[in-house]
Amino acid sequence: MRLSLDTTSDLQTVALGEPGRLLALSMDRIHTSHTETLIGHIDSVLRRHRLSGQDLSGIAVVTGPGSFTGIRIGLATALGLADSWDKPMTGRNALELLALHPAAGPGRICPVLHARREQIFFAVFHRGASGLELLEDYRETTATELPGSLAPYPGTVIIGPGVPVLRARWPDLAGTFHLVDGPDLLPAAVLAVQEHPVPGPGLPVEAFYIRPPDVRTPKHTREK
């Protein structure tokens, strides 16, 4: 049984699963910081199912893309719990996880995440019997420009939380692509039910960024 966490957006998600079966899924819309609620959220989910950390086989975390601070909080929390409970830790980025969602099926898949500022995170994969093949590298674009990037791939399945943004911009998009969205398209849920090898020594779980952090050098520092 694996505990899976996603803090890459303001929708904080905690899931419990075992290979092929989702056991529990809990979501909480965050209006301040994940640090204020995440540990309590995890504790609530475990208590509700009468579990402790020692009942788990591992900890998994969605590694990005998304909020720079949220990603760091999720990774730090997962690492702390894995160390405290002496459990293996694994992770995977949200775009890969959406491409592996059962609703996507085999073939060409474009997972999309709403990146705010009217932007979309996306990539294009081919999903086959041997796994995922990356056709278009991970990047950020606007909702207006994405259909042009996908022009070489008609019939592609576009899946994920970014789909409603695309529907609003391009009402006729469904005539060229297959659009899949809904409240159950949560990377943490997919991560919780996947088979994962136990990571070996020296194989840390790393943050996955597409957009650089929103860090600005103070004006008085730049002028020195």
C-alpha atoms as a PDB file:
ATOM      1  CA  MET A   1       0.000   0.000   0.000  1.00  0.00           C
ATOM      2  CA  ARG A   2       1.442   3.338  -1.088  1.00  0.00           C
ATOM      3  CA  LEU A   3       0.761   6.884   0.116  1.00  0.00           C
ATOM      4  CA  SER A   4       0.834   9.359  -2.774  1.00  0.00           C
ATOM      5  CA  LEU A   5       1.043  13.173  -2.498  1.00  0.00           C
ATOM      6  CA  ASP A   6       0.505  16.036  -4.938  1.00  0.00           C
ATOM      7  CA  THR A   7       1.182  19.641  -3.912  1.00  0.00           C
ATOM      8  CA  THR A   8       2.063  21.034  -7.347  1.00  0.00           C
ATOM      9  CA  SER A   9      -1.067  23.226  -7.473  1.00  0.00           C
ATOM     10  CA  ASP A  10      -3.575  24.670  -5.015  1.00  0.00           C
ATOM     11  CA  LEU A  11      -5.464  21.346  -5.094  1.00  0.00           C
ATOM     12  CA  GLN A  12      -3.658  19.357  -2.401  1.00  0.00           C
ATOM     13  CA  THR A  13      -4.203  15.633  -3.009  1.00  0.00           C
ATOM     14  CA  VAL A  14      -3.474  12.621  -0.801  1.00  0.00           C
ATOM     15  CA  ALA A  15      -4.132   9.117  -2.153  1.00  0.00           C
ATOM     16  CA  LEU A  16      -3.757   5.568  -0.901  1.00  0.00           C
ATOM     17  CA  GLY A  17      -3.389   2.735  -3.383  1.00  0.00           C
ATOM     18  CA  GLU A  18      -1.935  -0.608  -4.214  1.00  0.00           C
ATOM     19  CA  PRO A  19      -0.946  -1.909  -7.675  1.00  0.00           C
ATOM     20  CA  GLY A  20      -4.017  -1.586  -9.873  1.00  0.00           C
ATOM     21  CA  ARG A  21      -6.407  -0.406  -7.145  1.00  0.00           C
ATOM     22  CA  LEU A  22      -7.138   2.998  -5.634  1.00  0.00           C
ATOM     23  CA  LEU A  23      -8.125   2.666  -1.972  1.00  0.00           C
ATOM     24  CA  ALA A  24      -8.660   6.288  -0.939  1.00  0.00           C
ATOM     25  CA  LEU A  25      -8.483   9.759  -2.436  1.00  0.00           C
ATOM     26  CA  SER A  26      -8.737  13.024  -0.506  1.00  0.00           C
ATOM     27  CA  MET A  27      -8.548  16.539  -1.980  1.00  0.00           C
ATOM     28  CA  ASP A  28      -8.310  19.915  -0.280  1.00  0.00           C
ATOM     29  CA  ARG A  29      -8.281  23.337  -1.983  1.00  0.00           C
ATOM     30  CA  ILE A  30      -5.444  25.335  -0.408  1.00  0.00           C
ATOM     31  CA  HIS A  31      -5.769  29.094   0.061  1.00  0.00           C
ATOM     32  CA  THR A  32      -2.562  29.723   2.036  1.00  0.00           C
ATOM     33  CA  SER A  33       0.422  27.351   2.053  1.00  0.00           C
ATOM     34  CA  HIS A  34       0.685  23.573   1.777  1.00  0.00           C
ATOM     35  CA  THR A  35       2.963  23.627   4.837  1.00  0.00           C
ATOM     36  CA  GLU A  36       0.023  24.626   7.040  1.00  0.00           C
ATOM     37  CA  THR A  37      -2.224  21.709   6.101  1.00  0.00           C
ATOM     38  CA  LEU A  38      -0.336  18.841   4.444  1.00  0.00           C
ATOM     39  CA  ILE A  39       0.770  16.862   7.516  1.00  0.00           C
ATOM     40  CA  GLY A  40      -2.688  17.192   9.078  1.00  0.00           C
ATOM     41  CA  HIS A  41      -4.264  16.097   5.793  1.00  0.00           C
ATOM     42  CA  ILE A  42      -2.048  12.988   5.621  1.00  0.00           C
ATOM     43  CA  ASP A  43      -2.721  12.150   9.272  1.00  0.00           C
ATOM     44  CA  SER A  44      -6.475  12.498   8.706  1.00  0.00           C
ATOM     45  CA  VAL A  45      -6.429  10.119   5.719  1.00  0.00           C
ATOM     46  CA  LEU A  46      -4.396   7.498   7.589  1.00  0.00           C
ATOM     47  CA  ARG A  47      -6.555   7.721  10.730  1.00  0.00           C
ATOM     48  CA  ARG A  48      -9.742   7.459   8.681  1.00  0.00           C
ATOM     49  CA  HIS A  49      -8.517   4.114   7.346  1.00  0.00           C
ATOM     50  CA  ARG A  50      -6.992   3.024  10.672  1.00  0.00           C
ATOM     51  CA  LEU A  51      -3.466   2.999   9.268  1.00  0.00           C
ATOM     52  CA  SER A  52      -0.068   4.183  10.421  1.00  0.00           C
ATOM     53  CA  GLY A  53       3.108   4.866   8.505  1.00  0.00           C
ATOM     54  CA  GLN A  54       4.338   1.373   9.302  1.00  0.00           C
ATOM     55  CA  ASP A  55       1.423  -0.120   7.347  1.00  0.00           C
ATOM     56  CA  LEU A  56       2.666   1.481   4.124  1.00  0.00           C
ATOM     57  CA  SER A  57       5.035  -0.027   1.588  1.00  0.00           C
ATOM     58  CA  GLY A  58       6.273   3.336   0.343  1.00  0.00           C
ATOM     59  CA  ILE A  59       5.754   7.050  -0.227  1.00  0.00           C
ATOM     60  CA  ALA A  60       5.218   8.569  -3.683  1.00  0.00           C
ATOM     61  CA  VAL A  61       5.132  12.213  -4.735  1.00  0.00           C
ATOM     62  CA  VAL A  62       4.187  14.115  -7.867  1.00  0.00           C
ATOM     63  CA  THR A  63       7.397  15.964  -8.780  1.00  0.00           C
ATOM     64  CA  GLY A  64       5.956  18.752 -10.956  1.00  0.00           C
ATOM     65  CA  PRO A  65       5.498  20.801 -13.015  1.00  0.00           C
ATOM     66  CA  GLY A  66       3.619  23.511 -11.183  1.00  0.00           C
ATOM     67  CA  SER A  67       4.126  25.794  -8.218  1.00  0.00           C
ATOM     68  CA  PHE A  68       7.813  26.057  -7.331  1.00  0.00           C
ATOM     69  CA  THR A  69       7.055  26.296  -3.611  1.00  0.00           C
ATOM     70  CA  GLY A  70       4.397  23.585  -3.749  1.00  0.00           C
ATOM     71  CA  ILE A  71       6.762  21.152  -5.470  1.00  0.00           C
ATOM     72  CA  ARG A  72       9.453  21.759  -2.844  1.00  0.00           C
ATOM     73  CA  ILE A  73       6.986  21.268   0.022  1.00  0.00           C
ATOM     74  CA  GLY A  74       5.715  17.995  -1.414  1.00  0.00           C
ATOM     75  CA  LEU A  75       9.214  16.627  -1.969  1.00  0.00           C
ATOM     76  CA  ALA A  76      10.423  17.670   1.483  1.00  0.00           C
ATOM     77  CA  THR A  77       7.361  16.158   3.178  1.00  0.00           C
ATOM     78  CA  ALA A  78       7.622  12.878   1.258  1.00  0.00           C
ATOM     79  CA  LEU A  79      11.335  12.649   2.014  1.00  0.00           C
ATOM     80  CA  GLY A  80      10.766  13.348   5.714  1.00  0.00           C
ATOM     81  CA  LEU A  81       8.028  10.721   6.001  1.00  0.00           C
ATOM     82  CA  ALA A  82      10.022   8.139   4.056  1.00  0.00           C
ATOM     83  CA  ASP A  83      13.002   8.713   6.339  1.00  0.00           C
ATOM     84  CA  SER A  84      10.914   8.705   9.526  1.00  0.00           C
ATOM     85  CA  TRP A  85       9.024   5.544   8.595  1.00  0.00           C
ATOM     86  CA  ASP A  86      12.008   3.890   6.871  1.00  0.00           C
ATOM     87  CA  LYS A  87      10.076   3.439   3.618  1.00  0.00           C
ATOM     88  CA  PRO A  88      11.178   3.774  -0.024  1.00  0.00           C
ATOM     89  CA  MET A  89      10.268   6.997  -1.821  1.00  0.00           C
ATOM     90  CA  THR A  90       9.374   7.312  -5.498  1.00  0.00           C
ATOM     91  CA  GLY A  91       8.102  10.082  -7.754  1.00  0.00           C
ATOM     92  CA  ARG A  92       7.018  10.947 -11.267  1.00  0.00           C
ATOM     93  CA  ASN A  93       5.994  14.093 -13.098  1.00  0.00           C
ATOM     94  CA  ALA A  94       2.313  14.922 -13.599  1.00  0.00           C
ATOM     95  CA  LEU A  95       2.388  14.973 -17.411  1.00  0.00           C
ATOM     96  CA  GLU A  96       3.705  11.408 -17.574  1.00  0.00           C
ATOM     97  CA  LEU A  97       1.105  10.328 -15.032  1.00  0.00           C
ATOM     98  CA  LEU A  98      -1.747  11.863 -17.044  1.00  0.00           C
ATOM     99  CA  ALA A  99      -0.431  10.112 -20.164  1.00  0.00           C
ATOM    100  CA  LEU A 100      -0.676   6.836 -18.233  1.00  0.00           C
ATOM    101  CA  HIS A 101      -4.245   7.455 -17.069  1.00  0.00           C
ATOM    102  CA  PRO A 102      -6.610   4.612 -18.082  1.00  0.00           C
ATOM    103  CA  ALA A 103      -8.914   7.133 -19.796  1.00  0.00           C
ATOM    104  CA  ALA A 104      -6.202   8.046 -22.308  1.00  0.00           C
ATOM    105  CA  GLY A 105      -5.724   4.583 -23.805  1.00  0.00           C
ATOM    106  CA  PRO A 106      -2.958   3.655 -26.287  1.00  0.00           C
ATOM    107  CA  GLY A 107      -1.730   5.893 -29.132  1.00  0.00           C
ATOM    108  CA  ARG A 108      -0.739   9.564 -29.211  1.00  0.00           C
ATOM    109  CA  ILE A 109      -1.495  11.475 -26.015  1.00  0.00           C
ATOM    110  CA  CYS A 110      -1.035  15.133 -25.079  1.00  0.00           C
ATOM    111  CA  PRO A 111      -1.426  15.704 -21.326  1.00  0.00           C
ATOM    112  CA  VAL A 112      -2.165  19.341 -20.445  1.00  0.00           C
ATOM    113  CA  LEU A 113      -1.954  21.245 -17.173  1.00  0.00           C
ATOM    114  CA  HIS A 114      -3.217  24.770 -16.548  1.00  0.00           C
ATOM    115  CA  ALA A 115      -0.092  26.781 -15.708  1.00  0.00           C
ATOM    116  CA  ARG A 116      -1.981  30.020 -14.848  1.00  0.00           C
ATOM    117  CA  ARG A 117      -1.288  33.281 -16.686  1.00  0.00           C
ATOM    118  CA  GLU A 118      -3.304  31.735 -19.551  1.00  0.00           C
ATOM    119  CA  GLN A 119      -0.455  29.261 -20.048  1.00  0.00           C
ATOM    120  CA  ILE A 120      -0.473  25.492 -20.569  1.00  0.00           C
ATOM    121  CA  PHE A 121       2.169  22.886 -19.655  1.00  0.00           C
ATOM    122  CA  PHE A 122       2.163  20.038 -22.161  1.00  0.00           C
ATOM    123  CA  ALA A 123       4.080  17.265 -23.913  1.00  0.00           C
ATOM    124  CA  VAL A 124       3.166  14.702 -26.567  1.00  0.00           C
ATOM    125  CA  PHE A 125       3.703  10.962 -26.020  1.00  0.00           C
ATOM    126  CA  HIS A 126       3.050   7.766 -27.862  1.00  0.00           C
ATOM    127  CA  ARG A 127       1.732   5.183 -25.434  1.00  0.00           C
ATOM    128  CA  GLY A 128       2.314   1.582 -26.444  1.00  0.00           C
ATOM    129  CA  ALA A 129       2.905  -1.846 -24.981  1.00  0.00           C
ATOM    130  CA  SER A 130       6.457  -0.925 -23.991  1.00  0.00           C
ATOM    131  CA  GLY A 131       5.490   2.312 -22.217  1.00  0.00           C
ATOM    132  CA  LEU A 132       5.706   6.006 -23.134  1.00  0.00           C
ATOM    133  CA  GLU A 133       7.736   7.466 -25.993  1.00  0.00           C
ATOM    134  CA  LEU A 134       8.211  11.242 -25.890  1.00  0.00           C
ATOM    135  CA  LEU A 135       7.303  12.791 -29.263  1.00  0.00           C
ATOM    136  CA  GLU A 136       7.231  16.488 -28.287  1.00  0.00           C
ATOM    137  CA  ASP A 137       9.342  17.650 -25.365  1.00  0.00           C
ATOM    138  CA  TYR A 138       7.879  19.153 -22.203  1.00  0.00           C
ATOM    139  CA  ARG A 139       7.237  22.851 -22.539  1.00  0.00           C
ATOM    140  CA  GLU A 140       4.966  25.777 -21.744  1.00  0.00           C
ATOM    141  CA  THR A 141       2.772  27.539 -24.292  1.00  0.00           C
ATOM    142  CA  THR A 142      -0.425  29.558 -24.454  1.00  0.00           C
ATOM    143  CA  ALA A 143      -3.860  28.034 -24.855  1.00  0.00           C
ATOM    144  CA  THR A 144      -4.103  29.941 -28.155  1.00  0.00           C
ATOM    145  CA  GLU A 145      -0.866  28.495 -29.555  1.00  0.00           C
ATOM    146  CA  LEU A 146      -1.224  24.869 -28.431  1.00  0.00           C
ATOM    147  CA  PRO A 147      -3.439  23.678 -31.325  1.00  0.00           C
ATOM    148  CA  GLY A 148      -0.754  24.849 -33.760  1.00  0.00           C
ATOM    149  CA  SER A 149       1.871  22.827 -31.897  1.00  0.00           C
ATOM    150  CA  LEU A 150      -0.384  19.770 -32.191  1.00  0.00           C
ATOM    151  CA  ALA A 151      -1.180  20.239 -35.892  1.00  0.00           C
ATOM    152  CA  PRO A 152       1.198  17.387 -36.907  1.00  0.00           C
ATOM    153  CA  TYR A 153      -0.722  15.026 -34.585  1.00  0.00           C
ATOM    154  CA  PRO A 154      -4.430  14.993 -35.588  1.00  0.00           C
ATOM    155  CA  GLY A 155      -6.540  12.597 -33.576  1.00  0.00           C
ATOM    156  CA  THR A 156      -4.328  12.924 -30.500  1.00  0.00           C
ATOM    157  CA  VAL A 157      -5.989  12.453 -27.114  1.00  0.00           C
ATOM    158  CA  ILE A 158      -5.682  15.699 -25.121  1.00  0.00           C
ATOM    159  CA  ILE A 159      -6.154  14.894 -21.454  1.00  0.00           C
ATOM    160  CA  GLY A 160      -5.913  16.702 -18.146  1.00  0.00           C
ATOM    161  CA  PRO A 161      -6.944  19.732 -16.075  1.00  0.00           C
ATOM    162  CA  GLY A 162      -5.913  22.101 -18.887  1.00  0.00           C
ATOM    163  CA  VAL A 163      -8.662  20.840 -21.214  1.00  0.00           C
ATOM    164  CA  PRO A 164     -11.408  23.263 -19.979  1.00  0.00           C
ATOM    165  CA  VAL A 165      -9.104  26.204 -20.789  1.00  0.00           C
ATOM    166  CA  LEU A 166      -8.655  24.854 -24.326  1.00  0.00           C
ATOM    167  CA  ARG A 167     -12.402  24.255 -24.755  1.00  0.00           C
ATOM    168  CA  ALA A 168     -13.047  27.903 -23.874  1.00  0.00           C
ATOM    169  CA  ARG A 169     -10.504  29.146 -26.415  1.00  0.00           C
ATOM    170  CA  TRP A 170     -11.204  26.633 -29.189  1.00  0.00           C
ATOM    171  CA  PRO A 171     -14.822  25.365 -29.127  1.00  0.00           C
ATOM    172  CA  ASP A 172     -14.252  23.340 -32.324  1.00  0.00           C
ATOM    173  CA  LEU A 173     -11.100  21.623 -31.030  1.00  0.00           C
ATOM    174  CA  ALA A 174     -12.985  18.364 -30.459  1.00  0.00           C
ATOM    175  CA  GLY A 175     -13.421  18.079 -34.233  1.00  0.00           C
ATOM    176  CA  THR A 176      -9.673  17.413 -34.624  1.00  0.00           C
ATOM    177  CA  PHE A 177      -8.626  15.961 -31.263  1.00  0.00           C
ATOM    178  CA  HIS A 178     -10.154  13.725 -28.594  1.00  0.00           C
ATOM    179  CA  LEU A 179     -10.623  15.765 -25.412  1.00  0.00           C
ATOM    180  CA  VAL A 180     -10.694  14.042 -22.021  1.00  0.00           C
ATOM    181  CA  ASP A 181     -11.220  15.916 -18.761  1.00  0.00           C
ATOM    182  CA  GLY A 182     -13.039  15.439 -15.498  1.00  0.00           C
ATOM    183  CA  PRO A 183     -12.647  15.583 -11.712  1.00  0.00           C
ATOM    184  CA  ASP A 184     -10.938  12.181 -11.510  1.00  0.00           C
ATOM    185  CA  LEU A 185      -7.913  13.130 -13.633  1.00  0.00           C
ATOM    186  CA  LEU A 186      -5.570  13.447 -10.677  1.00  0.00           C
ATOM    187  CA  PRO A 187      -1.881  12.525 -11.032  1.00  0.00           C
ATOM    188  CA  ALA A 188      -1.625  11.445  -7.373  1.00  0.00           C
ATOM    189  CA  ALA A 189      -4.325   8.819  -7.930  1.00  0.00           C
ATOM    190  CA  VAL A 190      -2.475   7.373 -10.937  1.00  0.00           C
ATOM    191  CA  LEU A 191       0.792   7.407  -9.003  1.00  0.00           C
ATOM    192  CA  ALA A 192      -0.760   5.567  -6.053  1.00  0.00           C
ATOM    193  CA  VAL A 193      -1.794   2.549  -8.119  1.00  0.00           C
ATOM    194  CA  GLN A 194       1.336   2.138 -10.263  1.00  0.00           C
ATOM    195  CA  GLU A 195       3.932  -0.544  -9.900  1.00  0.00           C
ATOM    196  CA  HIS A 196       7.201   1.054  -8.762  1.00  0.00           C
ATOM    197  CA  PRO A 197      10.594  -0.559  -8.304  1.00  0.00           C
ATOM    198  CA  VAL A 198      12.246   0.224  -5.012  1.00  0.00           C
ATOM    199  CA  PRO A 199      14.763   3.004  -5.774  1.00  0.00           C
ATOM    200  CA  GLY A 200      18.370   2.053  -5.253  1.00  0.00           C
ATOM    201  CA  PRO A 201      21.041   4.030  -3.402  1.00  0.00           C
ATOM    202  CA  GLY A 202      22.001   7.278  -5.080  1.00  0.00           C
ATOM    203  CA  LEU A 203      18.701   7.584  -7.008  1.00  0.00           C
ATOM    204  CA  PRO A 204      17.029  10.622  -5.434  1.00  0.00           C
ATOM    205  CA  VAL A 205      13.580  11.830  -6.450  1.00  0.00           C
ATOM    206  CA  GLU A 206      14.093  15.232  -8.070  1.00  0.00           C
ATOM    207  CA  ALA A 207      11.825  18.202  -8.695  1.00  0.00           C
ATOM    208  CA  PHE A 208      10.559  18.583 -12.268  1.00  0.00           C
ATOM    209  CA  TYR A 209      10.232  22.189 -13.424  1.00  0.00           C
ATOM    210  CA  ILE A 210       9.240  23.644 -16.773  1.00  0.00           C
ATOM    211  CA  ARG A 211       8.766  27.280 -15.758  1.00  0.00           C
ATOM    212  CA  PRO A 212      11.592  28.868 -13.744  1.00  0.00           C
ATOM    213  CA  PRO A 213      10.666  30.009 -10.215  1.00  0.00           C
ATOM    214  CA  ASP A 214       9.055  33.425  -9.797  1.00  0.00           C
ATOM    215  CA  VAL A 215      12.056  34.888  -8.004  1.00  0.00           C
ATOM    216  CA  ARG A 216      13.040  38.493  -8.557  1.00  0.00           C
ATOM    217  CA  THR A 217      16.242  40.124  -7.376  1.00  0.00           C
ATOM    218  CA  PRO A 218      15.401  43.131  -5.170  1.00  0.00           C
ATOM    219  CA  LYS A 219      15.944  46.415  -6.990  1.00  0.00           C
ATOM    220  CA  HIS A 220      18.440  47.776  -4.452  1.00  0.00           C
ATOM    221  CA  THR A 221      20.524  44.587  -4.888  1.00  0.00           C
ATOM    222  CA  ARG A 222      20.560  44.872  -8.693  1.00  0.00           C
ATOM    223  CA  GLU A 223      21.781  48.469  -8.510  1.00  0.00           C
ATOM    224  CA  LYS A 224      24.859  47.634  -6.436  1.00  0.00           C
END
